[in-house]
Amino acid sequence: MVIHQEAVITRAAAEVSTRSPAGLTTSAGATGRERVVRPAIWSGGQVGELIAEHVDALHVTHSTIANPQSVEFAARMTHRTSRGVWRLSWLPEMALTRTQVLSAMVLERILIVHDLDSATMLRIMGVLAADLRMPLHQLLGRLSSHQQRTGAPDPGGTAMRTA
């Protein structure tokens, strides 16, 4: 995967640079938040910028990613054989990369905020679903099913259940 280091989203005001194992620049701020390096799948144009805005609204640390507007979250597995593997609250059986978890968290956030027109929202969610290597309708169904089981609010409402 190609990552553009010049396309870094600033996550905290007070930052201390570090180097990750892959040699990518990240930083931790006073709040424990990190910079998020923008993957190539999100680069370019309006779609990339809109995704970046939603990533910026998430609470991202080196081991967790949370959406302050929902109960959904992701956690990095710490077992040495699982290094770099993330688990998502609504897709717990899938071993995901950090980028894939961010894609899933942004997809859920887009449904909650619902600040985009339908065509733009579908285009962005299609990019995010492609990163997760799942059809969009299947992802929406899984999110809706999880939220019904856990009693969490359904961010997409009736539209998600019929997708």
C-alpha atoms as a PDB file:
ATOM      1  CA  MET A   1       0.000   0.000   0.000  1.00  0.00           C
ATOM      2  CA  VAL A   2       1.352   3.437  -0.912  1.00  0.00           C
ATOM      3  CA  ILE A   3       1.016   6.094   1.753  1.00  0.00           C
ATOM      4  CA  HIS A   4       1.523   9.765   1.029  1.00  0.00           C
ATOM      5  CA  GLN A   5       3.402  11.225   3.990  1.00  0.00           C
ATOM      6  CA  GLU A   6       2.734  14.781   2.823  1.00  0.00           C
ATOM      7  CA  ALA A   7      -0.984  14.170   3.329  1.00  0.00           C
ATOM      8  CA  VAL A   8      -0.985  13.958   7.120  1.00  0.00           C
ATOM      9  CA  ILE A   9      -4.003  14.923   9.161  1.00  0.00           C
ATOM     10  CA  THR A  10      -3.054  16.790  12.328  1.00  0.00           C
ATOM     11  CA  ARG A  11      -4.760  15.278  15.358  1.00  0.00           C
ATOM     12  CA  ALA A  12      -3.488  17.311  18.330  1.00  0.00           C
ATOM     13  CA  ALA A  13      -2.077  20.731  19.040  1.00  0.00           C
ATOM     14  CA  ALA A  14       0.946  19.700  21.122  1.00  0.00           C
ATOM     15  CA  GLU A  15       2.786  16.969  19.241  1.00  0.00           C
ATOM     16  CA  VAL A  16       5.892  14.892  19.745  1.00  0.00           C
ATOM     17  CA  SER A  17       7.114  13.086  16.599  1.00  0.00           C
ATOM     18  CA  THR A  18       7.920   9.391  16.705  1.00  0.00           C
ATOM     19  CA  ARG A  19       8.681   6.741  14.081  1.00  0.00           C
ATOM     20  CA  SER A  20       6.435   3.751  13.640  1.00  0.00           C
ATOM     21  CA  PRO A  21       7.835   0.329  12.723  1.00  0.00           C
ATOM     22  CA  ALA A  22       6.901   0.898   9.089  1.00  0.00           C
ATOM     23  CA  GLY A  23       8.844   4.173   9.100  1.00  0.00           C
ATOM     24  CA  LEU A  24       5.746   6.334   8.836  1.00  0.00           C
ATOM     25  CA  THR A  25       5.630   9.528  10.809  1.00  0.00           C
ATOM     26  CA  THR A  26       3.050   9.630  13.565  1.00  0.00           C
ATOM     27  CA  SER A  27       2.791  11.817  16.633  1.00  0.00           C
ATOM     28  CA  ALA A  28       1.213  11.752  20.035  1.00  0.00           C
ATOM     29  CA  GLY A  29      -0.208  14.850  21.616  1.00  0.00           C
ATOM     30  CA  ALA A  30      -0.938  15.796  25.178  1.00  0.00           C
ATOM     31  CA  THR A  31      -4.362  14.171  24.895  1.00  0.00           C
ATOM     32  CA  GLY A  32      -2.912  10.873  23.649  1.00  0.00           C
ATOM     33  CA  ARG A  33      -4.321  11.454  20.174  1.00  0.00           C
ATOM     34  CA  GLU A  34      -2.227  10.782  17.112  1.00  0.00           C
ATOM     35  CA  ARG A  35      -1.751  12.071  13.633  1.00  0.00           C
ATOM     36  CA  VAL A  36      -3.367   9.805  11.101  1.00  0.00           C
ATOM     37  CA  VAL A  37      -1.418   9.203   7.914  1.00  0.00           C
ATOM     38  CA  ARG A  38      -3.800   9.358   4.968  1.00  0.00           C
ATOM     39  CA  PRO A  39      -3.704   6.128   2.927  1.00  0.00           C
ATOM     40  CA  ALA A  40      -3.589   6.260  -0.858  1.00  0.00           C
ATOM     41  CA  ILE A  41      -7.183   5.012  -1.157  1.00  0.00           C
ATOM     42  CA  TRP A  42      -8.348   8.242   0.453  1.00  0.00           C
ATOM     43  CA  SER A  43      -6.077  10.592  -1.450  1.00  0.00           C
ATOM     44  CA  GLY A  44      -7.198  13.001  -4.032  1.00  0.00           C
ATOM     45  CA  GLY A  45     -10.212  15.070  -4.693  1.00  0.00           C
ATOM     46  CA  GLN A  46     -13.358  15.769  -2.784  1.00  0.00           C
ATOM     47  CA  VAL A  47     -13.844  12.185  -1.581  1.00  0.00           C
ATOM     48  CA  GLY A  48     -10.430  12.112   0.102  1.00  0.00           C
ATOM     49  CA  GLU A  49     -10.994  15.461   1.763  1.00  0.00           C
ATOM     50  CA  LEU A  50     -14.436  14.480   3.062  1.00  0.00           C
ATOM     51  CA  ILE A  51     -13.085  11.211   4.448  1.00  0.00           C
ATOM     52  CA  ALA A  52     -10.229  13.119   6.111  1.00  0.00           C
ATOM     53  CA  GLU A  53     -12.711  15.447   7.812  1.00  0.00           C
ATOM     54  CA  HIS A  54     -14.551  12.466   9.287  1.00  0.00           C
ATOM     55  CA  VAL A  55     -11.311  10.785  10.391  1.00  0.00           C
ATOM     56  CA  ASP A  56     -10.359  14.017  12.115  1.00  0.00           C
ATOM     57  CA  ALA A  57     -13.553  13.831  14.218  1.00  0.00           C
ATOM     58  CA  LEU A  58     -12.655  10.369  15.585  1.00  0.00           C
ATOM     59  CA  HIS A  59     -10.653   9.884  18.770  1.00  0.00           C
ATOM     60  CA  VAL A  60      -7.525   8.039  17.577  1.00  0.00           C
ATOM     61  CA  THR A  61      -4.735   6.687  19.787  1.00  0.00           C
ATOM     62  CA  HIS A  62      -2.067   4.060  19.130  1.00  0.00           C
ATOM     63  CA  SER A  63      -4.331   1.305  20.474  1.00  0.00           C
ATOM     64  CA  THR A  64      -7.943   2.496  20.147  1.00  0.00           C
ATOM     65  CA  ILE A  65     -10.194   4.352  17.757  1.00  0.00           C
ATOM     66  CA  ALA A  66     -13.533   5.643  18.973  1.00  0.00           C
ATOM     67  CA  ASN A  67     -16.361   7.685  17.564  1.00  0.00           C
ATOM     68  CA  PRO A  68     -17.451  10.168  20.265  1.00  0.00           C
ATOM     69  CA  GLN A  69     -20.950  10.156  18.755  1.00  0.00           C
ATOM     70  CA  SER A  70     -21.558   6.422  19.112  1.00  0.00           C
ATOM     71  CA  VAL A  71     -20.705   3.372  21.183  1.00  0.00           C
ATOM     72  CA  GLU A  72     -18.745   1.721  18.354  1.00  0.00           C
ATOM     73  CA  PHE A  73     -14.975   1.388  18.716  1.00  0.00           C
ATOM     74  CA  ALA A  74     -11.895  -0.444  17.503  1.00  0.00           C
ATOM     75  CA  ALA A  75      -8.937  -1.811  19.433  1.00  0.00           C
ATOM     76  CA  ARG A  76      -5.473  -2.952  18.395  1.00  0.00           C
ATOM     77  CA  MET A  77      -4.689  -6.512  19.441  1.00  0.00           C
ATOM     78  CA  THR A  78      -1.634  -6.688  21.692  1.00  0.00           C
ATOM     79  CA  HIS A  79      -0.760 -10.374  21.468  1.00  0.00           C
ATOM     80  CA  ARG A  80       2.609 -10.710  19.730  1.00  0.00           C
ATOM     81  CA  THR A  81       1.197 -12.899  16.950  1.00  0.00           C
ATOM     82  CA  SER A  82      -1.549 -10.316  16.344  1.00  0.00           C
ATOM     83  CA  ARG A  83       0.701  -7.271  16.096  1.00  0.00           C
ATOM     84  CA  GLY A  84      -0.867  -4.743  13.761  1.00  0.00           C
ATOM     85  CA  VAL A  85      -4.246  -6.497  13.829  1.00  0.00           C
ATOM     86  CA  TRP A  86      -7.288  -4.471  14.820  1.00  0.00           C
ATOM     87  CA  ARG A  87     -10.771  -5.601  15.884  1.00  0.00           C
ATOM     88  CA  LEU A  88     -13.902  -3.584  15.317  1.00  0.00           C
ATOM     89  CA  SER A  89     -16.848  -3.707  17.721  1.00  0.00           C
ATOM     90  CA  TRP A  90     -19.364  -4.392  14.948  1.00  0.00           C
ATOM     91  CA  LEU A  91     -17.171  -6.769  12.901  1.00  0.00           C
ATOM     92  CA  PRO A  92     -15.375  -8.607  15.725  1.00  0.00           C
ATOM     93  CA  GLU A  93     -14.568 -11.765  13.762  1.00  0.00           C
ATOM     94  CA  MET A  94     -12.555  -9.871  11.146  1.00  0.00           C
ATOM     95  CA  ALA A  95      -8.849  -9.137  11.569  1.00  0.00           C
ATOM     96  CA  LEU A  96      -8.415  -5.658  10.098  1.00  0.00           C
ATOM     97  CA  THR A  97      -5.627  -3.213   9.429  1.00  0.00           C
ATOM     98  CA  ARG A  98      -5.667   0.227  11.026  1.00  0.00           C
ATOM     99  CA  THR A  99      -6.665   1.752   7.689  1.00  0.00           C
ATOM    100  CA  GLN A 100      -9.573  -0.667   7.337  1.00  0.00           C
ATOM    101  CA  VAL A 101     -10.758   0.109  10.867  1.00  0.00           C
ATOM    102  CA  LEU A 102     -10.609   3.832  10.113  1.00  0.00           C
ATOM    103  CA  SER A 103     -12.640   3.189   6.954  1.00  0.00           C
ATOM    104  CA  ALA A 104     -15.281   1.301   8.955  1.00  0.00           C
ATOM    105  CA  MET A 105     -15.399   3.971  11.657  1.00  0.00           C
ATOM    106  CA  VAL A 106     -15.768   6.734   9.041  1.00  0.00           C
ATOM    107  CA  LEU A 107     -18.541   4.772   7.315  1.00  0.00           C
ATOM    108  CA  GLU A 108     -20.460   4.574  10.579  1.00  0.00           C
ATOM    109  CA  ARG A 109     -19.801   8.249  11.344  1.00  0.00           C
ATOM    110  CA  ILE A 110     -21.056   9.341   7.919  1.00  0.00           C
ATOM    111  CA  LEU A 111     -24.337   7.576   8.655  1.00  0.00           C
ATOM    112  CA  ILE A 112     -24.636   9.307  12.031  1.00  0.00           C
ATOM    113  CA  VAL A 113     -23.729  12.825  10.917  1.00  0.00           C
ATOM    114  CA  HIS A 114     -25.661  12.527   7.652  1.00  0.00           C
ATOM    115  CA  ASP A 115     -24.288  15.857   6.407  1.00  0.00           C
ATOM    116  CA  LEU A 116     -23.728  14.861   2.773  1.00  0.00           C
ATOM    117  CA  ASP A 117     -26.066  14.583  -0.169  1.00  0.00           C
ATOM    118  CA  SER A 118     -27.061  11.015  -1.053  1.00  0.00           C
ATOM    119  CA  ALA A 119     -24.870  10.678  -4.142  1.00  0.00           C
ATOM    120  CA  THR A 120     -21.740  11.900  -2.336  1.00  0.00           C
ATOM    121  CA  MET A 121     -22.487   9.743   0.690  1.00  0.00           C
ATOM    122  CA  LEU A 122     -22.881   6.624  -1.474  1.00  0.00           C
ATOM    123  CA  ARG A 123     -19.702   7.412  -3.419  1.00  0.00           C
ATOM    124  CA  ILE A 124     -17.669   7.804  -0.202  1.00  0.00           C
ATOM    125  CA  MET A 125     -19.201   4.750   1.436  1.00  0.00           C
ATOM    126  CA  GLY A 126     -18.362   2.764  -1.719  1.00  0.00           C
ATOM    127  CA  VAL A 127     -14.677   3.729  -1.376  1.00  0.00           C
ATOM    128  CA  LEU A 128     -14.720   2.781   2.307  1.00  0.00           C
ATOM    129  CA  ALA A 129     -16.460  -0.551   1.638  1.00  0.00           C
ATOM    130  CA  ALA A 130     -13.894  -1.353  -1.053  1.00  0.00           C
ATOM    131  CA  ASP A 131     -11.124  -0.830   1.508  1.00  0.00           C
ATOM    132  CA  LEU A 132     -12.865  -3.350   3.766  1.00  0.00           C
ATOM    133  CA  ARG A 133     -13.273  -5.719   0.808  1.00  0.00           C
ATOM    134  CA  MET A 134     -16.985  -6.155   1.452  1.00  0.00           C
ATOM    135  CA  PRO A 135     -20.013  -5.059  -0.532  1.00  0.00           C
ATOM    136  CA  LEU A 136     -21.554  -1.896   0.905  1.00  0.00           C
ATOM    137  CA  HIS A 137     -24.967  -3.514   1.426  1.00  0.00           C
ATOM    138  CA  GLN A 138     -23.340  -6.286   3.469  1.00  0.00           C
ATOM    139  CA  LEU A 139     -21.465  -3.778   5.671  1.00  0.00           C
ATOM    140  CA  LEU A 140     -24.612  -1.750   6.264  1.00  0.00           C
ATOM    141  CA  GLY A 141     -26.520  -4.894   7.149  1.00  0.00           C
ATOM    142  CA  ARG A 142     -23.815  -6.005   9.595  1.00  0.00           C
ATOM    143  CA  LEU A 143     -23.727  -2.598  11.297  1.00  0.00           C
ATOM    144  CA  SER A 144     -27.512  -2.468  11.569  1.00  0.00           C
ATOM    145  CA  SER A 145     -27.726  -6.044  12.864  1.00  0.00           C
ATOM    146  CA  HIS A 146     -25.036  -5.380  15.479  1.00  0.00           C
ATOM    147  CA  GLN A 147     -26.768  -2.243  16.675  1.00  0.00           C
ATOM    148  CA  GLN A 148     -30.111  -4.038  16.948  1.00  0.00           C
ATOM    149  CA  ARG A 149     -28.498  -6.825  19.024  1.00  0.00           C
ATOM    150  CA  THR A 150     -26.693  -4.398  21.340  1.00  0.00           C
ATOM    151  CA  GLY A 151     -29.492  -1.859  21.601  1.00  0.00           C
ATOM    152  CA  ALA A 152     -27.257   0.871  20.177  1.00  0.00           C
ATOM    153  CA  PRO A 153     -28.961   3.600  18.160  1.00  0.00           C
ATOM    154  CA  ASP A 154     -29.211   2.771  14.456  1.00  0.00           C
ATOM    155  CA  PRO A 155     -27.380   5.673  12.772  1.00  0.00           C
ATOM    156  CA  GLY A 156     -28.869   4.985   9.359  1.00  0.00           C
ATOM    157  CA  GLY A 157     -32.410   4.464  10.534  1.00  0.00           C
ATOM    158  CA  THR A 158     -34.794   2.515   8.355  1.00  0.00           C
ATOM    159  CA  ALA A 159     -32.696   3.149   5.237  1.00  0.00           C
ATOM    160  CA  MET A 160     -29.879   1.008   6.625  1.00  0.00           C
ATOM    161  CA  ARG A 161     -32.146  -1.927   7.335  1.00  0.00           C
ATOM    162  CA  THR A 162     -33.457  -1.944   3.782  1.00  0.00           C
ATOM    163  CA  ALA A 163     -30.057  -1.492   2.067  1.00  0.00           C
END
